[in-house]
């Protein structure tokens, strides 16, 4: 097990690359979900505003 983690002296580089990749992927998913939710909220407000405008006309 220690040999897998150490990887012939390159373990710190390999595992830090895996860690950084994992963090970037998590950030991408989180930012995408946040952007999607903001877009949904914006569209919901526009639809409510448009339907209120039509109802008052």
PDB file of N, CA and C in Angstrom:
ATOM      1  N   UNK A   1       0.829  -1.193   0.000  1.00  0.00           N
ATOM      2  CA  UNK A   1       0.000   0.000   0.000  1.00  0.00           C
ATOM      3  C   UNK A   1       0.876   1.259   0.000  1.00  0.00           C
ATOM      4  N   UNK A   2       1.933   1.244   0.786  1.00  0.00           N
ATOM      5  CA  UNK A   2       2.815   2.407   0.860  1.00  0.00           C
ATOM      6  C   UNK A   2       3.488   2.660  -0.487  1.00  0.00           C
ATOM      7  N   UNK A   3       3.789   1.591  -1.216  1.00  0.00           N
ATOM      8  CA  UNK A   3       4.412   1.745  -2.537  1.00  0.00           C
ATOM      9  C   UNK A   3       3.461   2.412  -3.525  1.00  0.00           C
ATOM     10  N   UNK A   4       2.181   2.096  -3.415  1.00  0.00           N
ATOM     11  CA  UNK A   4       1.187   2.726  -4.292  1.00  0.00           C
ATOM     12  C   UNK A   4       1.112   4.226  -4.004  1.00  0.00           C
ATOM     13  N   UNK A   5       1.125   4.572  -2.733  1.00  0.00           N
ATOM     14  CA  UNK A   5       1.060   5.986  -2.352  1.00  0.00           C
ATOM     15  C   UNK A   5       2.354   6.711  -2.717  1.00  0.00           C
ATOM     16  N   UNK A   6       3.480   6.072  -2.517  1.00  0.00           N
ATOM     17  CA  UNK A   6       4.778   6.703  -2.781  1.00  0.00           C
ATOM     18  C   UNK A   6       5.068   6.802  -4.285  1.00  0.00           C
ATOM     19  N   UNK A   7       4.657   5.791  -5.059  1.00  0.00           N
ATOM     20  CA  UNK A   7       4.805   5.738  -6.516  1.00  0.00           C
ATOM     21  C   UNK A   7       6.226   6.017  -6.981  1.00  0.00           C
ATOM     22  N   UNK A   8       7.160   5.369  -6.372  1.00  0.00           N
ATOM     23  CA  UNK A   8       8.547   5.479  -6.812  1.00  0.00           C
ATOM     24  C   UNK A   8       9.124   6.881  -6.674  1.00  0.00           C
ATOM     25  N   UNK A   9       8.652   7.643  -5.690  1.00  0.00           N
ATOM     26  CA  UNK A   9       9.173   8.982  -5.475  1.00  0.00           C
ATOM     27  C   UNK A   9       8.358  10.086  -6.142  1.00  0.00           C
ATOM     28  N   UNK A  10       7.396   9.692  -6.977  1.00  0.00           N
ATOM     29  CA  UNK A  10       6.577  10.671  -7.693  1.00  0.00           C
ATOM     30  C   UNK A  10       5.185  10.825  -7.090  1.00  0.00           C
ATOM     31  N   UNK A  11       4.953  10.176  -5.984  1.00  0.00           N
ATOM     32  CA  UNK A  11       3.626  10.181  -5.366  1.00  0.00           C
ATOM     33  C   UNK A  11       3.105  11.565  -5.044  1.00  0.00           C
ATOM     34  N   UNK A  12       3.962  12.436  -4.540  1.00  0.00           N
ATOM     35  CA  UNK A  12       3.481  13.779  -4.178  1.00  0.00           C
ATOM     36  C   UNK A  12       3.001  14.542  -5.408  1.00  0.00           C
ATOM     37  N   UNK A  13       3.664  14.352  -6.529  1.00  0.00           N
ATOM     38  CA  UNK A  13       3.241  15.029  -7.757  1.00  0.00           C
ATOM     39  C   UNK A  13       1.947  14.423  -8.294  1.00  0.00           C
ATOM     40  N   UNK A  14       1.899  13.092  -8.291  1.00  0.00           N
ATOM     41  CA  UNK A  14       0.720  12.399  -8.826  1.00  0.00           C
ATOM     42  C   UNK A  14      -0.508  12.698  -7.983  1.00  0.00           C
ATOM     43  N   UNK A  15      -0.390  12.552  -6.658  1.00  0.00           N
ATOM     44  CA  UNK A  15      -1.552  12.749  -5.798  1.00  0.00           C
ATOM     45  C   UNK A  15      -1.979  14.218  -5.740  1.00  0.00           C
ATOM     46  N   UNK A  16      -1.019  15.133  -5.832  1.00  0.00           N
ATOM     47  CA  UNK A  16      -1.420  16.548  -5.866  1.00  0.00           C
ATOM     48  C   UNK A  16      -2.136  16.862  -7.179  1.00  0.00           C
ATOM     49  N   UNK A  17      -1.722  16.230  -8.278  1.00  0.00           N
ATOM     50  CA  UNK A  17      -2.413  16.428  -9.563  1.00  0.00           C
ATOM     51  C   UNK A  17      -3.827  15.867  -9.499  1.00  0.00           C
ATOM     52  N   UNK A  18      -3.967  14.671  -8.896  1.00  0.00           N
ATOM     53  CA  UNK A  18      -5.308  14.108  -8.717  1.00  0.00           C
ATOM     54  C   UNK A  18      -6.159  15.009  -7.842  1.00  0.00           C
ATOM     55  N   UNK A  19      -5.590  15.498  -6.759  1.00  0.00           N
ATOM     56  CA  UNK A  19      -6.330  16.372  -5.851  1.00  0.00           C
ATOM     57  C   UNK A  19      -6.766  17.658  -6.517  1.00  0.00           C
ATOM     58  N   UNK A  20      -5.861  18.277  -7.243  1.00  0.00           N
ATOM     59  CA  UNK A  20      -6.202  19.519  -7.933  1.00  0.00           C
ATOM     60  C   UNK A  20      -7.270  19.286  -8.995  1.00  0.00           C
ATOM     61  N   UNK A  21      -7.162  18.195  -9.721  1.00  0.00           N
ATOM     62  CA  UNK A  21      -8.166  17.859 -10.725  1.00  0.00           C
ATOM     63  C   UNK A  21      -9.524  17.657 -10.075  1.00  0.00           C
ATOM     64  N   UNK A  22      -9.555  16.967  -8.950  1.00  0.00           N
ATOM     65  CA  UNK A  22     -10.806  16.732  -8.237  1.00  0.00           C
ATOM     66  C   UNK A  22     -11.427  18.048  -7.773  1.00  0.00           C
ATOM     67  N   UNK A  23     -10.611  18.943  -7.248  1.00  0.00           N
ATOM     68  CA  UNK A  23     -11.110  20.247  -6.792  1.00  0.00           C
ATOM     69  C   UNK A  23     -11.670  21.048  -7.972  1.00  0.00           C
ATOM     70  N   UNK A  24     -10.957  21.039  -9.092  1.00  0.00           N
ATOM     71  CA  UNK A  24     -11.422  21.780 -10.272  1.00  0.00           C
ATOM     72  C   UNK A  24     -12.736  21.202 -10.783  1.00  0.00           C
ATOM     73  N   UNK A  25     -12.848  19.884 -10.816  1.00  0.00           N
ATOM     74  CA  UNK A  25     -14.095  19.264 -11.264  1.00  0.00           C
ATOM     75  C   UNK A  25     -15.246  19.593 -10.322  1.00  0.00           C
ATOM     76  N   UNK A  26     -15.007  19.542  -9.019  1.00  0.00           N
ATOM     77  CA  UNK A  26     -16.051  19.912  -8.065  1.00  0.00           C
ATOM     78  C   UNK A  26     -16.470  21.368  -8.237  1.00  0.00           C
ATOM     79  N   UNK A  27     -15.502  22.251  -8.415  1.00  0.00           N
ATOM     80  CA  UNK A  27     -15.815  23.667  -8.615  1.00  0.00           C
ATOM     81  C   UNK A  27     -16.617  23.867  -9.899  1.00  0.00           C
ATOM     82  N   UNK A  28     -16.282  23.130 -10.945  1.00  0.00           N
ATOM     83  CA  UNK A  28     -17.013  23.242 -12.208  1.00  0.00           C
ATOM     84  C   UNK A  28     -18.464  22.812 -12.037  1.00  0.00           C
ATOM     85  N   UNK A  29     -18.671  21.697 -11.356  1.00  0.00           N
ATOM     86  CA  UNK A  29     -20.041  21.225 -11.118  1.00  0.00           C
ATOM     87  C   UNK A  29     -20.805  22.228 -10.270  1.00  0.00           C
ATOM     88  N   UNK A  30     -20.183  22.716  -9.208  1.00  0.00           N
ATOM     89  CA  UNK A  30     -20.853  23.658  -8.321  1.00  0.00           C
ATOM     90  C   UNK A  30     -21.196  24.965  -9.042  1.00  0.00           C
ATOM     91  N   UNK A  31     -20.252  25.497  -9.804  1.00  0.00           N
ATOM     92  CA  UNK A  31     -20.508  26.744 -10.531  1.00  0.00           C
ATOM     93  C   UNK A  31     -21.577  26.567 -11.600  1.00  0.00           C
ATOM     94  N   UNK A  32     -21.595  25.417 -12.248  1.00  0.00           N
ATOM     95  CA  UNK A  32     -22.609  25.149 -13.263  1.00  0.00           C
ATOM     96  C   UNK A  32     -23.988  25.066 -12.632  1.00  0.00           C
ATOM     97  N   UNK A  33     -24.099  24.379 -11.509  1.00  0.00           N
ATOM     98  CA  UNK A  33     -25.387  24.288 -10.812  1.00  0.00           C
ATOM     99  C   UNK A  33     -25.852  25.662 -10.344  1.00  0.00           C
ATOM    100  N   UNK A  34     -24.919  26.452  -9.836  1.00  0.00           N
ATOM    101  CA  UNK A  34     -25.276  27.796  -9.368  1.00  0.00           C
ATOM    102  C   UNK A  34     -25.745  28.665 -10.529  1.00  0.00           C
ATOM    103  N   UNK A  35     -25.059  28.584 -11.649  1.00  0.00           N
ATOM    104  CA  UNK A  35     -25.443  29.355 -12.825  1.00  0.00           C
ATOM    105  C   UNK A  35     -26.810  28.925 -13.342  1.00  0.00           C
ATOM    106  N   UNK A  36     -27.059  27.625 -13.347  1.00  0.00           N
ATOM    107  CA  UNK A  36     -28.354  27.117 -13.786  1.00  0.00           C
ATOM    108  C   UNK A  36     -29.469  27.628 -12.886  1.00  0.00           C
ATOM    109  N   UNK A  37     -29.241  27.607 -11.575  1.00  0.00           N
ATOM    110  CA  UNK A  37     -30.255  28.092 -10.645  1.00  0.00           C
ATOM    111  C   UNK A  37     -30.500  29.590 -10.820  1.00  0.00           C
ATOM    112  N   UNK A  38     -29.449  30.364 -11.038  1.00  0.00           N
ATOM    113  CA  UNK A  38     -29.613  31.793 -11.269  1.00  0.00           C
ATOM    114  C   UNK A  38     -30.398  32.052 -12.548  1.00  0.00           C
ATOM    115  N   UNK A  39     -30.129  31.285 -13.588  1.00  0.00           N
ATOM    116  CA  UNK A  39     -30.846  31.437 -14.846  1.00  0.00           C
ATOM    117  C   UNK A  39     -32.316  31.079 -14.674  1.00  0.00           C
ATOM    118  N   UNK A  40     -32.578  29.999 -13.948  1.00  0.00           N
ATOM    119  CA  UNK A  40     -33.973  29.624 -13.681  1.00  0.00           C
ATOM    120  C   UNK A  40     -34.695  30.721 -12.912  1.00  0.00           C
ATOM    121  N   UNK A  41     -34.054  31.275 -11.904  1.00  0.00           N
ATOM    122  CA  UNK A  41     -34.667  32.342 -11.122  1.00  0.00           C
ATOM    123  C   UNK A  41     -34.940  33.569 -11.995  1.00  0.00           C
ATOM    124  N   UNK A  42     -33.985  33.924 -12.838  1.00  0.00           N
ATOM    125  CA  UNK A  42     -34.155  35.077 -13.717  1.00  0.00           C
ATOM    126  C   UNK A  42     -35.318  34.851 -14.686  1.00  0.00           C
ATOM    127  N   UNK A  43     -35.411  33.666 -15.261  1.00  0.00           N
ATOM    128  CA  UNK A  43     -36.498  33.360 -16.190  1.00  0.00           C
ATOM    129  C   UNK A  43     -37.843  33.331 -15.482  1.00  0.00           C
ATOM    130  N   UNK A  44     -37.870  32.818 -14.269  1.00  0.00           N
ATOM    131  CA  UNK A  44     -39.113  32.801 -13.496  1.00  0.00           C
ATOM    132  C   UNK A  44     -39.593  34.221 -13.227  1.00  0.00           C
ATOM    133  N   UNK A  45     -38.657  35.106 -12.853  1.00  0.00           N
ATOM    134  CA  UNK A  45     -39.036  36.507 -12.624  1.00  0.00           C
ATOM    135  C   UNK A  45     -39.550  37.152 -13.903  1.00  0.00           C
ATOM    136  N   UNK A  46     -38.898  36.867 -15.041  1.00  0.00           N
ATOM    137  CA  UNK A  46     -39.362  37.433 -16.315  1.00  0.00           C
ATOM    138  C   UNK A  46     -40.748  36.937 -16.683  1.00  0.00           C
ATOM    139  N   UNK A  47     -40.988  35.645 -16.488  1.00  0.00           N
ATOM    140  CA  UNK A  47     -42.300  35.091 -16.814  1.00  0.00           C
ATOM    141  C   UNK A  47     -43.380  35.675 -15.915  1.00  0.00           C
ATOM    142  N   UNK A  48     -43.076  35.818 -14.634  1.00  0.00           N
ATOM    143  CA  UNK A  48     -44.053  36.422 -13.719  1.00  0.00           C
ATOM    144  C   UNK A  48     -44.325  37.876 -14.091  1.00  0.00           C
ATOM    145  N   UNK A  49     -43.274  38.595 -14.456  1.00  0.00           N
ATOM    146  CA  UNK A  49     -43.432  39.984 -14.848  1.00  0.00           C
ATOM    147  C   UNK A  49     -44.247  40.091 -16.135  1.00  0.00           C
ATOM    148  N   UNK A  50     -43.973  39.216 -17.092  1.00  0.00           N
ATOM    149  CA  UNK A  50     -44.700  39.239 -18.367  1.00  0.00           C
ATOM    150  C   UNK A  50     -46.155  38.876 -18.164  1.00  0.00           C
ATOM    151  N   UNK A  51     -46.449  37.889 -17.306  1.00  0.00           N
ATOM    152  CA  UNK A  51     -47.830  37.502 -17.098  1.00  0.00           C
ATOM    153  C   UNK A  51     -48.566  38.579 -16.306  1.00  0.00           C
ATOM    154  N   UNK A  52     -47.887  39.275 -15.395  1.00  0.00           N
ATOM    155  CA  UNK A  52     -48.523  40.363 -14.646  1.00  0.00           C
ATOM    156  C   UNK A  52     -48.811  41.528 -15.589  1.00  0.00           C
ATOM    157  N   UNK A  53     -47.927  41.782 -16.520  1.00  0.00           N
ATOM    158  CA  UNK A  53     -48.132  42.858 -17.487  1.00  0.00           C
ATOM    159  C   UNK A  53     -49.317  42.555 -18.394  1.00  0.00           C
ATOM    160  N   UNK A  54     -49.423  41.320 -18.852  1.00  0.00           N
ATOM    161  CA  UNK A  54     -50.536  40.902 -19.705  1.00  0.00           C
ATOM    162  C   UNK A  54     -51.845  40.957 -18.950  1.00  0.00           C
ATOM    163  N   UNK A  55     -51.839  40.602 -17.672  1.00  0.00           N
ATOM    164  CA  UNK A  55     -53.058  40.602 -16.879  1.00  0.00           C
ATOM    165  C   UNK A  55     -53.564  42.014 -16.621  1.00  0.00           C
ATOM    166  N   UNK A  56     -52.662  42.958 -16.506  1.00  0.00           N
ATOM    167  CA  UNK A  56     -53.065  44.339 -16.233  1.00  0.00           C
ATOM    168  C   UNK A  56     -53.471  45.089 -17.499  1.00  0.00           C
ATOM    169  N   UNK A  57     -53.150  44.532 -18.670  1.00  0.00           N
ATOM    170  CA  UNK A  57     -53.493  45.221 -19.931  1.00  0.00           C
ATOM    171  C   UNK A  57     -54.915  44.998 -20.353  1.00  0.00           C
TER     172      UNK A  57
END
